[in-house]
Amino acid sequence: MISIKSALLGLGLTIAMAGVASAETMLRYSEAGPNRGARAKALQYFLDEASRMTEGRLTFDVHWGGALLKWSAVLNGVAAGAADMGTVIAPYSPKQLQGLAIGDLPISSSDTWVGLRAMHELMTTNEQLKDFLAKENVVFLSNFTSTGTQFECTGDHTIETADDFKGLTVRATGTVGKALNELGANVVNMTFDKVYQALDSGLVDCAAGYYYTNRAFRHYEIVDHITEANWGQVGGFALVMNKDVWEDLPAEYQNAIMTAGSQMIDEFARIQIETINDVKAGLASGEIGRQVPVVALDDAERAKLLAMTDKYVQEWISDMTERGYDGQAIWDQYAVLVDKYADELNTKGYPWAR
């Protein structure tokens, strides 16, 4: 079993570009996250499907938990060939992945499947964004999302309106963090593994989070209130491949990878939505380990939060335009795709339930 990189370096693997590969091809995948949870299941599904569709001739050597490349090094590592494929997050390479960062801007829908599908179609059909990533020597394959943002608070700290953030110390990042600063919150940026201790010690009053992380990081043990804000998603979260490796793959393998990437969207959404429903039910009943009240933010208040982030959309458009792209046209296509999949969800339901 040999890797595609070895083949490219001349170790003798010959790929029949117009037909079936003559030997097994193994690609190295760098995943900085752990081999557990919804995202790990979805990633494994993607790899298994790509392998199945090539009758096992295309295989993958996955390096979990940052064993090969840490989050901040994945993009450059894949681009340089230290790994053939990997998972990248836009904020870790903000300039290089500014095009991908469109997925981190708040959109009208907080639904996981809608966000995933809209980003997937945008990144696989928009020639400008393809070009943007090509200049970093990578190709987009598929994507993840964090789901809608909620707020977990301790003690008497509760969030029922946009004004309630004033004076609170809140763990948040990105666009949400910028908006909270404007609302008068004291924003603290930290990785998720530190949030439990920060909430428990009183270092922060509230934390921006997600239902699946509430269970995974056991935040239900220490928080007293959860506000369901559904404020945007972190969608600048992609599976990419080294462009040179991609171009040297047979069309059969390319088609298998892209098909598996599209199929993974529905599978990941299904897993995430089931997880969200399980966690919400567990919080309400206490079966998760402790009963924690969940209150949905009023639509009018959520609209205020979304309106606050409009200027960050304009900043992204301006920055992309300055870099030689039509930022407004890209955003307009994204907005149309969000509405398209939101309408499809409303009329047909989720694909796995049809």
Protein backbone atom coordinates (compact mmCIF):
# COMPACT_ATOMS: atom_id res chain seq x y z
CA MET A 1 0.00 0.00 0.00
CA ILE A 2 1.56 3.31 -1.05
CA SER A 3 0.45 6.91 -0.85
CA ILE A 4 -0.37 9.18 -3.75
CA LYS A 5 2.46 11.44 -2.65
CA SER A 6 4.93 8.62 -3.08
CA ALA A 7 3.52 8.06 -6.54
CA LEU A 8 4.04 11.69 -7.41
CA LEU A 9 7.61 11.49 -6.21
CA GLY A 10 8.31 8.66 -8.61
CA LEU A 11 8.10 5.51 -6.55
CA GLY A 12 6.44 3.73 -9.38
CA LEU A 13 2.67 3.85 -8.82
CA THR A 14 0.96 4.21 -12.19
CA ILE A 15 -2.58 5.53 -12.37
CA ALA A 16 -4.65 4.89 -15.46
CA MET A 17 -6.05 8.36 -15.95
CA ALA A 18 -8.78 7.31 -18.35
CA GLY A 19 -10.01 4.22 -16.60
CA VAL A 20 -9.58 2.06 -13.54
CA ALA A 21 -6.52 2.64 -11.38
CA SER A 22 -3.98 -0.15 -11.63
CA ALA A 23 -3.03 -0.10 -7.97
CA GLU A 24 -4.46 0.89 -4.62
CA THR A 25 -4.07 4.58 -3.88
CA MET A 26 -3.82 5.79 -0.29
CA LEU A 27 -4.32 9.42 0.69
CA ARG A 28 -3.18 10.90 3.98
CA TYR A 29 -5.85 12.88 5.82
CA SER A 30 -5.05 15.32 8.64
CA GLU A 31 -7.88 15.83 11.15
CA ALA A 32 -7.02 18.00 14.15
CA GLY A 33 -10.17 16.92 16.02
CA PRO A 34 -10.60 13.69 17.99
CA ASN A 35 -11.87 10.41 16.60
CA ARG A 36 -15.24 10.71 18.35
CA GLY A 37 -18.46 12.66 18.08
CA ALA A 38 -20.76 13.64 15.23
CA ARG A 39 -18.10 15.21 13.03
CA ALA A 40 -15.77 12.23 13.31
CA LYS A 41 -18.63 9.91 12.35
CA ALA A 42 -19.45 12.06 9.33
CA LEU A 43 -15.83 12.25 8.22
CA GLN A 44 -15.45 8.49 8.46
CA TYR A 45 -18.67 8.09 6.47
CA PHE A 46 -17.23 10.33 3.73
CA LEU A 47 -13.99 8.34 3.53
CA ASP A 48 -15.77 4.99 3.61
CA GLU A 49 -18.15 6.03 0.83
CA ALA A 50 -15.32 7.29 -1.39
CA SER A 51 -13.50 4.00 -0.87
CA ARG A 52 -16.65 1.94 -1.51
CA MET A 53 -17.37 3.75 -4.76
CA THR A 54 -13.90 2.86 -6.03
CA GLU A 55 -14.29 -0.77 -4.91
CA GLY A 56 -11.65 -0.28 -2.25
CA ARG A 57 -8.90 0.93 -4.55
CA LEU A 58 -8.97 4.39 -2.98
CA THR A 59 -8.10 4.27 0.72
CA PHE A 60 -7.27 6.79 3.42
CA ASP A 61 -4.74 7.04 6.24
CA VAL A 62 -6.38 9.35 8.80
CA HIS A 63 -4.26 11.13 11.40
CA TRP A 64 -6.69 12.15 14.17
CA GLY A 65 -6.27 14.62 17.00
CA GLY A 66 -3.66 16.79 15.29
CA ALA A 67 -1.15 13.95 15.24
CA LEU A 68 0.08 15.05 11.80
CA LEU A 69 -0.92 18.74 11.68
CA LYS A 70 -2.47 21.05 14.29
CA TRP A 71 -5.45 23.25 13.36
CA SER A 72 -3.28 26.28 12.60
CA ALA A 73 -1.00 24.24 10.32
CA VAL A 74 -3.51 22.20 8.32
CA LEU A 75 -3.99 24.56 5.38
CA ASN A 76 -0.30 25.16 4.74
CA GLY A 77 0.46 21.50 5.43
CA VAL A 78 -2.05 20.27 2.86
CA ALA A 79 -0.99 22.93 0.34
CA ALA A 80 2.66 21.88 0.71
CA GLY A 81 1.92 18.14 0.60
CA ALA A 82 2.61 17.18 4.21
CA ALA A 83 -0.89 15.71 4.01
CA ASP A 84 -2.97 15.03 0.91
CA MET A 85 -6.24 16.11 2.53
CA GLY A 86 -7.39 17.81 5.72
CA THR A 87 -10.04 19.71 7.65
CA VAL A 88 -9.54 23.48 7.76
CA ILE A 89 -11.27 26.24 9.75
CA ALA A 90 -11.28 29.76 8.29
CA PRO A 91 -10.32 31.72 11.46
CA TYR A 92 -7.06 29.77 11.76
CA SER A 93 -5.94 31.14 8.36
CA PRO A 94 -8.06 34.30 8.04
CA LYS A 95 -6.40 35.85 4.98
CA GLN A 96 -5.76 32.60 3.12
CA LEU A 97 -9.28 31.32 3.77
CA GLN A 98 -11.17 34.60 3.59
CA GLY A 99 -13.29 33.21 0.75
CA LEU A 100 -14.31 30.23 2.88
CA ALA A 101 -15.08 32.57 5.79
CA ILE A 102 -18.32 33.60 4.09
CA GLY A 103 -19.76 30.57 5.91
CA ASP A 104 -19.08 32.23 9.27
CA LEU A 105 -21.27 35.22 8.52
CA PRO A 106 -24.76 35.08 10.08
CA ILE A 107 -27.47 33.97 7.66
CA SER A 108 -31.25 34.04 7.85
CA SER A 109 -31.53 30.32 8.61
CA SER A 110 -29.94 28.59 11.59
CA ASP A 111 -30.89 25.13 10.35
CA THR A 112 -27.92 22.80 10.10
CA TRP A 113 -28.93 21.14 6.84
CA VAL A 114 -29.78 24.44 5.14
CA GLY A 115 -26.43 25.95 6.13
CA LEU A 116 -24.45 22.90 5.02
CA ARG A 117 -26.22 22.55 1.68
CA ALA A 118 -25.98 26.25 0.84
CA MET A 119 -22.25 26.36 1.59
CA HIS A 120 -21.59 23.13 -0.29
CA GLU A 121 -23.30 24.34 -3.46
CA LEU A 122 -21.68 27.76 -3.20
CA MET A 123 -18.16 26.39 -2.78
CA THR A 124 -18.53 23.77 -5.52
CA THR A 125 -20.15 26.02 -8.15
CA ASN A 126 -18.80 29.55 -7.62
CA GLU A 127 -15.80 29.94 -9.90
CA GLN A 128 -14.45 32.89 -7.94
CA LEU A 129 -14.28 30.92 -4.70
CA LYS A 130 -12.76 27.95 -6.53
CA ASP A 131 -10.08 30.30 -7.84
CA PHE A 132 -9.55 31.77 -4.37
CA LEU A 133 -8.75 28.34 -2.93
CA ALA A 134 -6.76 27.29 -6.00
CA LYS A 135 -4.33 30.13 -5.26
CA GLU A 136 -3.69 28.40 -1.92
CA ASN A 137 -3.14 25.14 -3.84
CA VAL A 138 -6.20 23.40 -2.38
CA VAL A 139 -9.54 22.13 -3.69
CA PHE A 140 -12.80 22.18 -1.71
CA LEU A 141 -14.38 18.74 -1.19
CA SER A 142 -17.12 19.16 1.43
CA ASN A 143 -17.92 21.04 4.63
CA PHE A 144 -19.05 21.00 8.24
CA THR A 145 -20.95 23.50 10.38
CA SER A 146 -21.15 24.24 14.09
CA THR A 147 -24.99 24.62 14.00
CA GLY A 148 -26.74 27.68 15.45
CA THR A 149 -25.14 29.58 18.34
CA GLN A 150 -26.77 29.37 21.79
CA PHE A 151 -25.79 30.99 25.10
CA GLU A 152 -25.11 29.04 28.29
CA CYS A 153 -25.16 31.06 31.53
CA THR A 154 -24.58 30.44 35.22
CA GLY A 155 -26.29 31.77 38.33
CA ASP A 156 -28.79 34.57 37.88
CA HIS A 157 -27.35 35.63 34.55
CA THR A 158 -29.99 35.17 31.88
CA ILE A 159 -30.29 36.46 28.33
CA GLU A 160 -33.79 37.28 27.14
CA THR A 161 -33.09 40.41 25.09
CA ALA A 162 -30.15 41.90 23.21
CA ASP A 163 -29.75 44.44 26.02
CA ASP A 164 -29.13 41.66 28.56
CA PHE A 165 -25.59 41.15 27.26
CA LYS A 166 -24.51 44.52 28.65
CA GLY A 167 -22.11 44.11 31.55
CA LEU A 168 -21.81 40.32 31.21
CA THR A 169 -18.51 38.55 30.67
CA VAL A 170 -19.12 36.22 27.74
CA ARG A 171 -16.94 33.69 26.00
CA ALA A 172 -17.41 34.25 22.26
CA THR A 173 -15.41 34.45 19.05
CA GLY A 174 -15.59 35.82 15.53
CA THR A 175 -18.51 37.91 14.34
CA VAL A 176 -20.60 37.06 17.40
CA GLY A 177 -17.82 38.29 19.67
CA LYS A 178 -17.53 41.58 17.78
CA ALA A 179 -21.28 42.16 18.02
CA LEU A 180 -21.34 41.36 21.75
CA ASN A 181 -18.62 43.92 22.36
CA GLU A 182 -20.87 46.52 20.76
CA LEU A 183 -23.70 45.45 23.06
CA GLY A 184 -21.54 46.18 26.09
CA ALA A 185 -20.40 42.67 26.96
CA ASN A 186 -16.89 41.90 28.10
CA VAL A 187 -15.89 39.30 25.52
CA VAL A 188 -13.34 36.62 26.37
CA ASN A 189 -11.84 34.40 23.68
CA MET A 190 -10.77 30.91 24.70
CA THR A 191 -10.80 27.39 23.29
CA PHE A 192 -13.73 25.14 24.15
CA ASP A 193 -11.74 22.88 26.42
CA LYS A 194 -11.31 25.81 28.84
CA VAL A 195 -14.95 26.97 28.90
CA TYR A 196 -16.12 24.50 31.58
CA GLN A 197 -13.59 25.76 34.11
CA ALA A 198 -14.25 29.39 33.14
CA LEU A 199 -17.99 29.00 33.76
CA ASP A 200 -17.45 26.97 36.93
CA SER A 201 -14.99 29.46 38.44
CA GLY A 202 -17.01 32.53 37.49
CA LEU A 203 -14.37 33.79 35.08
CA VAL A 204 -17.20 34.14 32.55
CA ASP A 205 -20.93 34.57 33.16
CA CYS A 206 -22.04 33.06 29.87
CA ALA A 207 -20.57 31.27 26.89
CA ALA A 208 -21.58 31.10 23.26
CA GLY A 209 -21.92 27.43 22.43
CA TYR A 210 -23.89 24.69 20.74
CA TYR A 211 -26.15 21.89 21.90
CA TYR A 212 -23.77 19.15 20.86
CA THR A 213 -20.86 20.77 22.73
CA ASN A 214 -23.05 21.15 25.82
CA ARG A 215 -23.15 17.38 26.08
CA ALA A 216 -19.67 16.64 24.75
CA PHE A 217 -18.01 19.04 27.21
CA ARG A 218 -20.54 18.37 30.01
CA HIS A 219 -21.52 22.02 30.37
CA TYR A 220 -24.96 20.93 31.61
CA GLU A 221 -23.26 20.15 34.93
CA ILE A 222 -22.55 23.81 35.66
CA VAL A 223 -24.86 26.08 33.63
CA ASP A 224 -28.22 27.21 34.99
CA HIS A 225 -29.85 28.71 31.89
CA ILE A 226 -29.57 28.27 28.14
CA THR A 227 -30.85 30.85 25.67
CA GLU A 228 -31.66 29.42 22.25
CA ALA A 229 -30.54 32.32 20.10
CA ASN A 230 -29.78 30.39 16.89
CA TRP A 231 -27.52 33.28 15.97
CA GLY A 232 -25.57 32.29 12.89
CA GLN A 233 -23.42 29.24 12.22
CA VAL A 234 -19.71 28.59 11.91
CA GLY A 235 -19.66 27.28 8.35
CA GLY A 236 -16.15 28.25 7.25
CA PHE A 237 -15.23 24.68 8.08
CA ALA A 238 -14.14 22.58 5.11
CA LEU A 239 -12.56 19.39 3.82
CA VAL A 240 -9.86 20.26 1.30
CA MET A 241 -7.30 18.43 -0.85
CA ASN A 242 -3.91 19.38 -2.25
CA LYS A 243 -4.62 20.73 -5.76
CA ASP A 244 -1.71 18.89 -7.39
CA VAL A 245 -2.79 15.59 -5.88
CA TRP A 246 -6.38 16.24 -6.95
CA GLU A 247 -5.42 16.95 -10.54
CA ASP A 248 -3.38 13.73 -10.74
CA LEU A 249 -6.23 11.55 -9.57
CA PRO A 250 -8.24 9.63 -12.18
CA ALA A 251 -11.66 11.06 -12.98
CA GLU A 252 -13.19 7.97 -11.35
CA TYR A 253 -11.57 8.85 -8.03
CA GLN A 254 -12.45 12.54 -8.32
CA ASN A 255 -16.09 11.68 -8.97
CA ALA A 256 -16.16 9.29 -6.02
CA ILE A 257 -14.69 11.89 -3.66
CA MET A 258 -17.07 14.64 -4.78
CA THR A 259 -20.10 12.35 -4.63
CA ALA A 260 -19.12 11.19 -1.15
CA GLY A 261 -18.61 14.82 -0.11
CA SER A 262 -22.14 15.70 -1.16
CA GLN A 263 -23.61 12.64 0.53
CA MET A 264 -21.76 13.52 3.73
CA ILE A 265 -23.68 16.80 3.93
CA ASP A 266 -26.95 14.95 4.51
CA GLU A 267 -25.36 12.40 6.84
CA PHE A 268 -23.66 15.02 9.01
CA ALA A 269 -26.84 17.11 9.16
CA ARG A 270 -28.85 14.05 10.17
CA ILE A 271 -26.41 13.15 12.96
CA GLN A 272 -26.21 16.74 14.20
CA ILE A 273 -29.97 17.30 14.23
CA GLU A 274 -30.56 14.03 16.08
CA THR A 275 -27.90 15.10 18.59
CA ILE A 276 -29.51 18.51 19.05
CA ASN A 277 -32.94 16.98 19.65
CA ASP A 278 -31.52 14.42 22.10
CA VAL A 279 -29.65 17.09 24.06
CA LYS A 280 -32.65 19.44 24.22
CA ALA A 281 -34.87 16.61 25.45
CA GLY A 282 -32.24 15.57 27.98
CA LEU A 283 -31.89 19.11 29.30
CA ALA A 284 -35.65 19.42 29.71
CA SER A 285 -36.07 16.07 31.49
CA GLY A 286 -32.75 15.98 33.32
CA GLU A 287 -31.86 12.66 31.71
CA ILE A 288 -28.72 14.23 30.29
CA GLY A 289 -27.44 14.41 33.87
CA ARG A 290 -29.08 17.57 35.14
CA GLN A 291 -32.19 19.57 34.28
CA VAL A 292 -31.41 22.93 32.67
CA PRO A 293 -34.10 25.31 31.39
CA VAL A 294 -33.88 26.31 27.73
CA VAL A 295 -35.62 29.49 26.61
CA ALA A 296 -35.93 30.49 22.96
CA LEU A 297 -34.98 34.07 22.21
CA ASP A 298 -37.91 36.13 20.97
CA ASP A 299 -37.94 36.51 17.17
CA ALA A 300 -37.78 40.28 17.43
CA GLU A 301 -34.70 40.11 19.67
CA ARG A 302 -33.03 37.58 17.37
CA ALA A 303 -33.71 39.93 14.46
CA LYS A 304 -31.86 42.67 16.37
CA LEU A 305 -28.81 40.44 16.72
CA LEU A 306 -28.86 39.52 13.04
CA ALA A 307 -29.21 43.19 12.06
CA MET A 308 -26.14 44.04 14.13
CA THR A 309 -23.99 41.71 12.06
CA ASP A 310 -25.00 43.15 8.67
CA LYS A 311 -21.98 45.42 8.66
CA TYR A 312 -19.65 42.45 9.00
CA VAL A 313 -21.17 41.06 5.83
CA GLN A 314 -20.36 44.38 4.16
CA GLU A 315 -16.80 44.22 5.50
CA TRP A 316 -16.37 40.77 3.98
CA ILE A 317 -17.77 41.96 0.65
CA SER A 318 -15.41 44.96 0.64
CA ASP A 319 -12.38 42.89 1.60
CA MET A 320 -13.06 40.33 -1.14
CA THR A 321 -13.63 43.12 -3.68
CA GLU A 322 -10.31 44.71 -2.75
CA ARG A 323 -8.66 41.38 -3.44
CA GLY A 324 -10.00 41.35 -6.99
CA TYR A 325 -13.23 39.37 -6.56
CA ASP A 326 -16.87 40.39 -6.90
CA GLY A 327 -17.70 40.13 -3.21
CA GLN A 328 -21.28 41.33 -3.65
CA ALA A 329 -22.05 38.75 -6.35
CA ILE A 330 -20.65 35.95 -4.21
CA TRP A 331 -22.71 37.02 -1.21
CA ASP A 332 -25.82 37.39 -3.34
CA GLN A 333 -25.44 33.83 -4.61
CA TYR A 334 -24.97 32.56 -1.06
CA ALA A 335 -28.12 34.35 0.13
CA VAL A 336 -30.12 32.88 -2.77
CA LEU A 337 -28.85 29.38 -1.94
CA VAL A 338 -29.79 29.76 1.73
CA ASP A 339 -33.33 30.72 0.71
CA LYS A 340 -33.43 27.89 -1.83
CA TYR A 341 -32.63 25.19 0.72
CA ALA A 342 -34.80 26.79 3.41
CA ASP A 343 -37.72 26.63 0.96
CA GLU A 344 -36.89 23.02 0.10
CA LEU A 345 -36.84 22.12 3.77
CA ASN A 346 -40.19 23.78 4.32
CA THR A 347 -41.84 21.99 1.40
CA LYS A 348 -40.15 18.58 1.41
CA GLY A 349 -38.58 18.14 4.84
CA TYR A 350 -35.14 16.63 5.41
CA PRO A 351 -33.85 14.24 2.72
CA TRP A 352 -33.56 11.31 5.13
CA ALA A 353 -37.21 11.70 6.16
CA ARG A 354 -38.72 11.87 2.68
